[in-house]
Amino acid sequence: MAWIRLYLTVEGQTERRFAEAVLQPHLAQFEVDLRPRVVVTQRKLDSRGGIFSFAKLRNDLIRLMRQDRQPEARFTTMVDLYALPSDFPGWVEAKKQNTAQKRVATLEAALEAEMGDPRFLPYIQLHEFEALLYCDLSQLARRITKSEKAFADLQREVDGLTPEEINEGTSTAPSKRIIKYVPLYKHLKVRVGAPAAEAIGLNTLRAKCPHFHEWVSQLERLSER
């Protein structure tokens, strides 16, 4: 079978750089050509990044799928559960679920049904990209000057939680906790986030983040279909 062209729509530059550095070379081993792109939110202004309404994400994905109608094309997303817009399909039903894992499953199923294209594979990150960095916070500490003690304190705060369990509260989401202890991260996210995740390594990310691992496993199998 021909190589699969996999278009990955992400929320921002940090996720795009992560996909290029970590996922792209890995998936190439499985004959999957990963093509990361930041969501287009204002086409006329070529504005990219952030998902403030589901309608804009949906329109962007539909345009992309119409541009490449070939059977070897596939499409996926990497968007955060944290701050997901309330017009997202499945939102009402998802809010009734008693675990984040069930909420994500409900939302992903609703998104897949909404897009209505068998080439589309939805993925929603628990609870945002920064969750991956909790697999080894020392990698961030190495990239932000004089932050070792702050990250050690943060690690103590989340001891007992797996990275994907760090929740979507406005002050307790993964990125919000990092910024509370290391405010400089807010301005360095794009510069240090992806390199830290790359240094942690895909094997560790998958071992500590089951939902992320399940998604990557699905992407590895795309060329088998």
C-alpha atoms as a PDB file:
ATOM      1  CA  MET A   1       0.000   0.000   0.000  1.00  0.00           C
ATOM      2  CA  ALA A   2       1.156   3.578  -0.716  1.00  0.00           C
ATOM      3  CA  TRP A   3       2.377   5.758   2.089  1.00  0.00           C
ATOM      4  CA  ILE A   4      -0.352   7.423   4.114  1.00  0.00           C
ATOM      5  CA  ARG A   5      -0.484  11.219   4.131  1.00  0.00           C
ATOM      6  CA  LEU A   6      -1.602  12.146   7.637  1.00  0.00           C
ATOM      7  CA  TYR A   7      -2.670  15.742   8.204  1.00  0.00           C
ATOM      8  CA  LEU A   8      -2.469  16.640  11.891  1.00  0.00           C
ATOM      9  CA  THR A   9      -4.329  19.785  12.969  1.00  0.00           C
ATOM     10  CA  VAL A  10      -3.038  21.269  16.230  1.00  0.00           C
ATOM     11  CA  GLU A  11      -3.849  24.343  18.312  1.00  0.00           C
ATOM     12  CA  GLY A  12      -0.502  26.139  18.307  1.00  0.00           C
ATOM     13  CA  GLN A  13       3.174  26.286  17.440  1.00  0.00           C
ATOM     14  CA  THR A  14       4.308  24.280  20.475  1.00  0.00           C
ATOM     15  CA  GLU A  15       2.204  21.294  19.398  1.00  0.00           C
ATOM     16  CA  ARG A  16       3.328  21.673  15.791  1.00  0.00           C
ATOM     17  CA  ARG A  17       6.995  21.635  16.813  1.00  0.00           C
ATOM     18  CA  PHE A  18       6.381  18.625  19.041  1.00  0.00           C
ATOM     19  CA  ALA A  19       4.733  16.770  16.169  1.00  0.00           C
ATOM     20  CA  GLU A  20       7.595  17.598  13.813  1.00  0.00           C
ATOM     21  CA  ALA A  21      10.323  16.621  16.272  1.00  0.00           C
ATOM     22  CA  VAL A  22       8.762  13.556  17.917  1.00  0.00           C
ATOM     23  CA  LEU A  23       5.831  12.111  15.986  1.00  0.00           C
ATOM     24  CA  GLN A  24       6.930  12.768  12.414  1.00  0.00           C
ATOM     25  CA  PRO A  25      10.164  10.718  12.431  1.00  0.00           C
ATOM     26  CA  HIS A  26       8.533   7.957  14.457  1.00  0.00           C
ATOM     27  CA  LEU A  27       5.547   7.527  12.151  1.00  0.00           C
ATOM     28  CA  ALA A  28       7.771   7.543   9.082  1.00  0.00           C
ATOM     29  CA  GLN A  29       8.909   4.093  10.219  1.00  0.00           C
ATOM     30  CA  PHE A  30       5.318   2.953   9.663  1.00  0.00           C
ATOM     31  CA  GLU A  31       4.994   4.519   6.191  1.00  0.00           C
ATOM     32  CA  VAL A  32       2.958   7.408   7.521  1.00  0.00           C
ATOM     33  CA  ASP A  33       3.917  10.868   6.269  1.00  0.00           C
ATOM     34  CA  LEU A  34       2.831  13.189   9.085  1.00  0.00           C
ATOM     35  CA  ARG A  35       2.000  16.750   8.022  1.00  0.00           C
ATOM     36  CA  PRO A  36       1.402  18.937  11.100  1.00  0.00           C
ATOM     37  CA  ARG A  37      -0.450  22.214  10.684  1.00  0.00           C
ATOM     38  CA  VAL A  38      -1.853  24.864  13.021  1.00  0.00           C
ATOM     39  CA  VAL A  39      -5.610  25.360  12.804  1.00  0.00           C
ATOM     40  CA  VAL A  40      -6.665  28.312  10.653  1.00  0.00           C
ATOM     41  CA  THR A  41      -9.152  30.418  12.631  1.00  0.00           C
ATOM     42  CA  GLN A  42      -9.452  33.466  10.369  1.00  0.00           C
ATOM     43  CA  ARG A  43      -8.830  32.514   6.752  1.00  0.00           C
ATOM     44  CA  LYS A  44      -8.898  36.057   5.329  1.00  0.00           C
ATOM     45  CA  LEU A  45      -6.333  37.226   7.866  1.00  0.00           C
ATOM     46  CA  ASP A  46      -4.406  33.929   7.772  1.00  0.00           C
ATOM     47  CA  SER A  47      -4.816  33.853  11.544  1.00  0.00           C
ATOM     48  CA  ARG A  48      -3.677  30.575  13.086  1.00  0.00           C
ATOM     49  CA  GLY A  49      -3.848  29.026  16.527  1.00  0.00           C
ATOM     50  CA  GLY A  50      -6.307  28.479  19.335  1.00  0.00           C
ATOM     51  CA  ILE A  51      -9.786  26.991  19.167  1.00  0.00           C
ATOM     52  CA  PHE A  52     -12.315  29.572  20.315  1.00  0.00           C
ATOM     53  CA  SER A  53     -15.296  27.947  18.638  1.00  0.00           C
ATOM     54  CA  PHE A  54     -15.930  24.514  17.224  1.00  0.00           C
ATOM     55  CA  ALA A  55     -17.412  25.994  14.059  1.00  0.00           C
ATOM     56  CA  LYS A  56     -14.027  27.435  13.077  1.00  0.00           C
ATOM     57  CA  LEU A  57     -12.255  24.146  13.698  1.00  0.00           C
ATOM     58  CA  ARG A  58     -14.914  22.254  11.742  1.00  0.00           C
ATOM     59  CA  ASN A  59     -14.714  24.635   8.786  1.00  0.00           C
ATOM     60  CA  ASP A  60     -10.935  24.397   8.717  1.00  0.00           C
ATOM     61  CA  LEU A  61     -11.004  20.580   8.781  1.00  0.00           C
ATOM     62  CA  ILE A  62     -13.650  20.393   6.052  1.00  0.00           C
ATOM     63  CA  ARG A  63     -11.612  22.686   3.784  1.00  0.00           C
ATOM     64  CA  LEU A  64      -8.549  20.541   4.360  1.00  0.00           C
ATOM     65  CA  MET A  65     -10.370  17.283   3.586  1.00  0.00           C
ATOM     66  CA  ARG A  66     -11.796  18.747   0.404  1.00  0.00           C
ATOM     67  CA  GLN A  67      -8.319  19.768  -0.722  1.00  0.00           C
ATOM     68  CA  ASP A  68      -7.081  16.173  -0.522  1.00  0.00           C
ATOM     69  CA  ARG A  69      -9.838  13.697  -1.369  1.00  0.00           C
ATOM     70  CA  GLN A  70      -7.471  10.815  -2.121  1.00  0.00           C
ATOM     71  CA  PRO A  71      -7.965   7.501  -0.279  1.00  0.00           C
ATOM     72  CA  GLU A  72      -4.404   7.511   1.079  1.00  0.00           C
ATOM     73  CA  ALA A  73      -5.044  10.799   2.891  1.00  0.00           C
ATOM     74  CA  ARG A  74      -5.924  10.691   6.584  1.00  0.00           C
ATOM     75  CA  PHE A  75      -6.763  13.444   9.049  1.00  0.00           C
ATOM     76  CA  THR A  76      -6.420  13.746  12.798  1.00  0.00           C
ATOM     77  CA  THR A  77      -6.389  16.365  15.542  1.00  0.00           C
ATOM     78  CA  MET A  78      -4.463  17.175  18.689  1.00  0.00           C
ATOM     79  CA  VAL A  79      -6.629  19.609  20.641  1.00  0.00           C
ATOM     80  CA  ASP A  80      -6.829  20.191  24.379  1.00  0.00           C
ATOM     81  CA  LEU A  81      -9.686  19.075  26.582  1.00  0.00           C
ATOM     82  CA  TYR A  82      -8.895  22.090  28.767  1.00  0.00           C
ATOM     83  CA  ALA A  83     -10.873  25.161  27.608  1.00  0.00           C
ATOM     84  CA  LEU A  84     -12.593  23.228  24.835  1.00  0.00           C
ATOM     85  CA  PRO A  85     -15.371  25.465  23.441  1.00  0.00           C
ATOM     86  CA  SER A  86     -18.882  24.718  24.662  1.00  0.00           C
ATOM     87  CA  ASP A  87     -20.252  24.383  21.107  1.00  0.00           C
ATOM     88  CA  PHE A  88     -18.103  21.271  20.632  1.00  0.00           C
ATOM     89  CA  PRO A  89     -20.193  18.230  19.557  1.00  0.00           C
ATOM     90  CA  GLY A  90     -21.053  15.940  22.449  1.00  0.00           C
ATOM     91  CA  TRP A  91     -20.406  18.686  25.015  1.00  0.00           C
ATOM     92  CA  VAL A  92     -23.651  18.265  26.952  1.00  0.00           C
ATOM     93  CA  GLU A  93     -23.368  14.488  27.136  1.00  0.00           C
ATOM     94  CA  ALA A  94     -19.673  14.660  28.015  1.00  0.00           C
ATOM     95  CA  LYS A  95     -20.356  16.922  31.000  1.00  0.00           C
ATOM     96  CA  LYS A  96     -22.475  14.127  32.492  1.00  0.00           C
ATOM     97  CA  GLN A  97     -19.547  11.682  32.574  1.00  0.00           C
ATOM     98  CA  ASN A  98     -17.812  11.128  35.901  1.00  0.00           C
ATOM     99  CA  THR A  99     -14.226  10.790  34.636  1.00  0.00           C
ATOM    100  CA  ALA A 100     -12.102  12.796  32.238  1.00  0.00           C
ATOM    101  CA  GLN A 101     -11.382   9.639  30.242  1.00  0.00           C
ATOM    102  CA  LYS A 102     -15.102   9.084  29.664  1.00  0.00           C
ATOM    103  CA  ARG A 103     -15.597  12.742  28.759  1.00  0.00           C
ATOM    104  CA  VAL A 104     -12.859  12.553  26.161  1.00  0.00           C
ATOM    105  CA  ALA A 105     -14.254   9.311  24.707  1.00  0.00           C
ATOM    106  CA  THR A 106     -17.694  10.924  24.394  1.00  0.00           C
ATOM    107  CA  LEU A 107     -16.296  14.037  22.736  1.00  0.00           C
ATOM    108  CA  GLU A 108     -14.088  12.114  20.325  1.00  0.00           C
ATOM    109  CA  ALA A 109     -16.985   9.892  19.250  1.00  0.00           C
ATOM    110  CA  ALA A 110     -19.182  12.942  18.695  1.00  0.00           C
ATOM    111  CA  LEU A 111     -16.435  14.695  16.720  1.00  0.00           C
ATOM    112  CA  GLU A 112     -15.931  11.643  14.514  1.00  0.00           C
ATOM    113  CA  ALA A 113     -19.670  11.480  13.798  1.00  0.00           C
ATOM    114  CA  GLU A 114     -19.836  15.217  13.135  1.00  0.00           C
ATOM    115  CA  MET A 115     -17.047  15.146  10.544  1.00  0.00           C
ATOM    116  CA  GLY A 116     -18.607  12.164   8.767  1.00  0.00           C
ATOM    117  CA  ASP A 117     -15.475  11.082   6.904  1.00  0.00           C
ATOM    118  CA  PRO A 118     -13.997   7.601   7.450  1.00  0.00           C
ATOM    119  CA  ARG A 119     -10.524   9.054   6.854  1.00  0.00           C
ATOM    120  CA  PHE A 120     -10.808  11.192  10.005  1.00  0.00           C
ATOM    121  CA  LEU A 121      -9.424  10.050  13.377  1.00  0.00           C
ATOM    122  CA  PRO A 122     -10.163  12.411  16.285  1.00  0.00           C
ATOM    123  CA  TYR A 123      -7.839  12.920  19.233  1.00  0.00           C
ATOM    124  CA  ILE A 124      -8.340  15.165  22.256  1.00  0.00           C
ATOM    125  CA  GLN A 125      -5.412  15.619  24.630  1.00  0.00           C
ATOM    126  CA  LEU A 126      -5.940  14.960  28.342  1.00  0.00           C
ATOM    127  CA  HIS A 127      -6.012  17.722  29.471  1.00  0.00           C
ATOM    128  CA  GLU A 128      -3.614  19.773  27.379  1.00  0.00           C
ATOM    129  CA  PHE A 129      -0.187  19.484  25.761  1.00  0.00           C
ATOM    130  CA  GLU A 130       1.627  20.318  29.007  1.00  0.00           C
ATOM    131  CA  ALA A 131       0.386  17.089  30.564  1.00  0.00           C
ATOM    132  CA  LEU A 132       3.077  15.311  28.545  1.00  0.00           C
ATOM    133  CA  LEU A 133       5.743  17.410  30.249  1.00  0.00           C
ATOM    134  CA  TYR A 134       4.763  16.021  33.656  1.00  0.00           C
ATOM    135  CA  CYS A 135       6.265  12.721  32.562  1.00  0.00           C
ATOM    136  CA  ASP A 136       9.582  14.291  33.576  1.00  0.00           C
ATOM    137  CA  LEU A 137       9.456  17.886  34.801  1.00  0.00           C
ATOM    138  CA  SER A 138      13.238  17.937  35.153  1.00  0.00           C
ATOM    139  CA  GLN A 139      13.481  18.411  31.403  1.00  0.00           C
ATOM    140  CA  LEU A 140      11.721  21.756  31.739  1.00  0.00           C
ATOM    141  CA  ALA A 141      13.899  22.673  34.712  1.00  0.00           C
ATOM    142  CA  ARG A 142      16.986  22.140  32.562  1.00  0.00           C
ATOM    143  CA  ARG A 143      15.677  24.635  30.017  1.00  0.00           C
ATOM    144  CA  ILE A 144      14.518  27.444  32.326  1.00  0.00           C
ATOM    145  CA  THR A 145      17.217  29.122  34.402  1.00  0.00           C
ATOM    146  CA  LYS A 146      17.029  28.768  38.192  1.00  0.00           C
ATOM    147  CA  SER A 147      13.771  26.827  38.120  1.00  0.00           C
ATOM    148  CA  GLU A 148      14.910  23.531  39.672  1.00  0.00           C
ATOM    149  CA  LYS A 149      13.415  24.200  43.128  1.00  0.00           C
ATOM    150  CA  ALA A 150      10.133  25.473  41.685  1.00  0.00           C
ATOM    151  CA  PHE A 151       9.700  22.382  39.547  1.00  0.00           C
ATOM    152  CA  ALA A 152      10.604  20.149  42.483  1.00  0.00           C
ATOM    153  CA  ASP A 153       7.839  21.856  44.482  1.00  0.00           C
ATOM    154  CA  LEU A 154       5.416  21.368  41.594  1.00  0.00           C
ATOM    155  CA  GLN A 155       6.343  17.703  41.406  1.00  0.00           C
ATOM    156  CA  ARG A 156       5.474  17.281  45.073  1.00  0.00           C
ATOM    157  CA  GLU A 157       2.110  18.949  44.435  1.00  0.00           C
ATOM    158  CA  VAL A 158       1.142  16.412  41.760  1.00  0.00           C
ATOM    159  CA  ASP A 159       2.671  13.311  43.342  1.00  0.00           C
ATOM    160  CA  GLY A 160       0.194  10.470  43.097  1.00  0.00           C
ATOM    161  CA  LEU A 161      -1.381  11.752  39.880  1.00  0.00           C
ATOM    162  CA  THR A 162      -0.581  10.430  36.431  1.00  0.00           C
ATOM    163  CA  PRO A 163       0.065  13.164  33.830  1.00  0.00           C
ATOM    164  CA  GLU A 164      -3.329  12.649  32.183  1.00  0.00           C
ATOM    165  CA  GLU A 165      -5.094  12.994  35.553  1.00  0.00           C
ATOM    166  CA  ILE A 166      -3.905  16.566  36.105  1.00  0.00           C
ATOM    167  CA  ASN A 167      -7.226  18.261  35.548  1.00  0.00           C
ATOM    168  CA  GLU A 168      -8.839  21.043  33.552  1.00  0.00           C
ATOM    169  CA  GLY A 169      -9.486  23.524  36.359  1.00  0.00           C
ATOM    170  CA  THR A 170      -8.716  27.168  35.622  1.00  0.00           C
ATOM    171  CA  SER A 171      -5.953  27.136  38.236  1.00  0.00           C
ATOM    172  CA  THR A 172      -5.064  23.431  38.223  1.00  0.00           C
ATOM    173  CA  ALA A 173      -4.715  22.610  34.519  1.00  0.00           C
ATOM    174  CA  PRO A 174      -1.218  21.381  33.595  1.00  0.00           C
ATOM    175  CA  SER A 175      -0.040  24.696  32.120  1.00  0.00           C
ATOM    176  CA  LYS A 176      -1.615  26.763  34.909  1.00  0.00           C
ATOM    177  CA  ARG A 177       0.240  24.786  37.565  1.00  0.00           C
ATOM    178  CA  ILE A 178       3.540  25.263  35.714  1.00  0.00           C
ATOM    179  CA  ILE A 179       2.969  29.014  35.360  1.00  0.00           C
ATOM    180  CA  LYS A 180       2.062  29.292  39.061  1.00  0.00           C
ATOM    181  CA  TYR A 181       5.469  27.919  40.036  1.00  0.00           C
ATOM    182  CA  VAL A 182       7.465  29.207  37.049  1.00  0.00           C
ATOM    183  CA  PRO A 183       5.747  32.307  35.580  1.00  0.00           C
ATOM    184  CA  LEU A 184       8.444  32.600  32.928  1.00  0.00           C
ATOM    185  CA  TYR A 185       7.087  29.478  31.239  1.00  0.00           C
ATOM    186  CA  LYS A 186       4.185  31.523  29.849  1.00  0.00           C
ATOM    187  CA  HIS A 187       6.640  33.383  27.618  1.00  0.00           C
ATOM    188  CA  LEU A 188       8.941  30.429  26.896  1.00  0.00           C
ATOM    189  CA  LYS A 189       6.346  27.762  26.072  1.00  0.00           C
ATOM    190  CA  VAL A 190       7.047  27.580  22.340  1.00  0.00           C
ATOM    191  CA  ARG A 191      10.817  27.635  22.901  1.00  0.00           C
ATOM    192  CA  VAL A 192      11.067  24.999  25.635  1.00  0.00           C
ATOM    193  CA  GLY A 193       7.889  22.874  25.484  1.00  0.00           C
ATOM    194  CA  ALA A 194       8.584  20.753  22.440  1.00  0.00           C
ATOM    195  CA  PRO A 195      12.331  20.267  23.178  1.00  0.00           C
ATOM    196  CA  ALA A 196      11.464  19.123  26.706  1.00  0.00           C
ATOM    197  CA  ALA A 197       8.933  16.597  25.399  1.00  0.00           C
ATOM    198  CA  GLU A 198      11.444  15.370  22.825  1.00  0.00           C
ATOM    199  CA  ALA A 199      14.067  14.898  25.544  1.00  0.00           C
ATOM    200  CA  ILE A 200      11.611  12.942  27.696  1.00  0.00           C
ATOM    201  CA  GLY A 201      11.223  10.576  24.767  1.00  0.00           C
ATOM    202  CA  LEU A 202       8.248   8.995  23.054  1.00  0.00           C
ATOM    203  CA  ASN A 203       8.570   5.711  24.953  1.00  0.00           C
ATOM    204  CA  THR A 204       8.205   7.441  28.318  1.00  0.00           C
ATOM    205  CA  LEU A 205       5.376   9.668  27.084  1.00  0.00           C
ATOM    206  CA  ARG A 206       3.461   6.607  25.918  1.00  0.00           C
ATOM    207  CA  ALA A 207       4.152   4.608  29.065  1.00  0.00           C
ATOM    208  CA  LYS A 208       2.836   7.344  31.359  1.00  0.00           C
ATOM    209  CA  CYS A 209      -0.020   8.671  29.192  1.00  0.00           C
ATOM    210  CA  PRO A 210      -2.358   5.808  28.156  1.00  0.00           C
ATOM    211  CA  HIS A 211      -4.753   7.889  26.064  1.00  0.00           C
ATOM    212  CA  PHE A 212      -1.855   9.449  24.157  1.00  0.00           C
ATOM    213  CA  HIS A 213      -0.373   5.971  23.678  1.00  0.00           C
ATOM    214  CA  GLU A 214      -3.641   4.640  22.271  1.00  0.00           C
ATOM    215  CA  TRP A 215      -3.732   7.447  19.702  1.00  0.00           C
ATOM    216  CA  VAL A 216      -0.129   6.918  18.578  1.00  0.00           C
ATOM    217  CA  SER A 217      -0.824   3.182  18.255  1.00  0.00           C
ATOM    218  CA  GLN A 218      -3.761   3.928  15.968  1.00  0.00           C
ATOM    219  CA  LEU A 219      -1.582   6.178  13.824  1.00  0.00           C
ATOM    220  CA  GLU A 220       1.055   3.446  13.533  1.00  0.00           C
ATOM    221  CA  ARG A 221      -1.553   1.105  12.075  1.00  0.00           C
ATOM    222  CA  LEU A 222      -2.870   3.473   9.413  1.00  0.00           C
ATOM    223  CA  SER A 223      -0.726   2.079   6.618  1.00  0.00           C
ATOM    224  CA  GLU A 224      -2.051  -1.439   7.326  1.00  0.00           C
ATOM    225  CA  ARG A 225      -5.594  -0.556   6.281  1.00  0.00           C
END
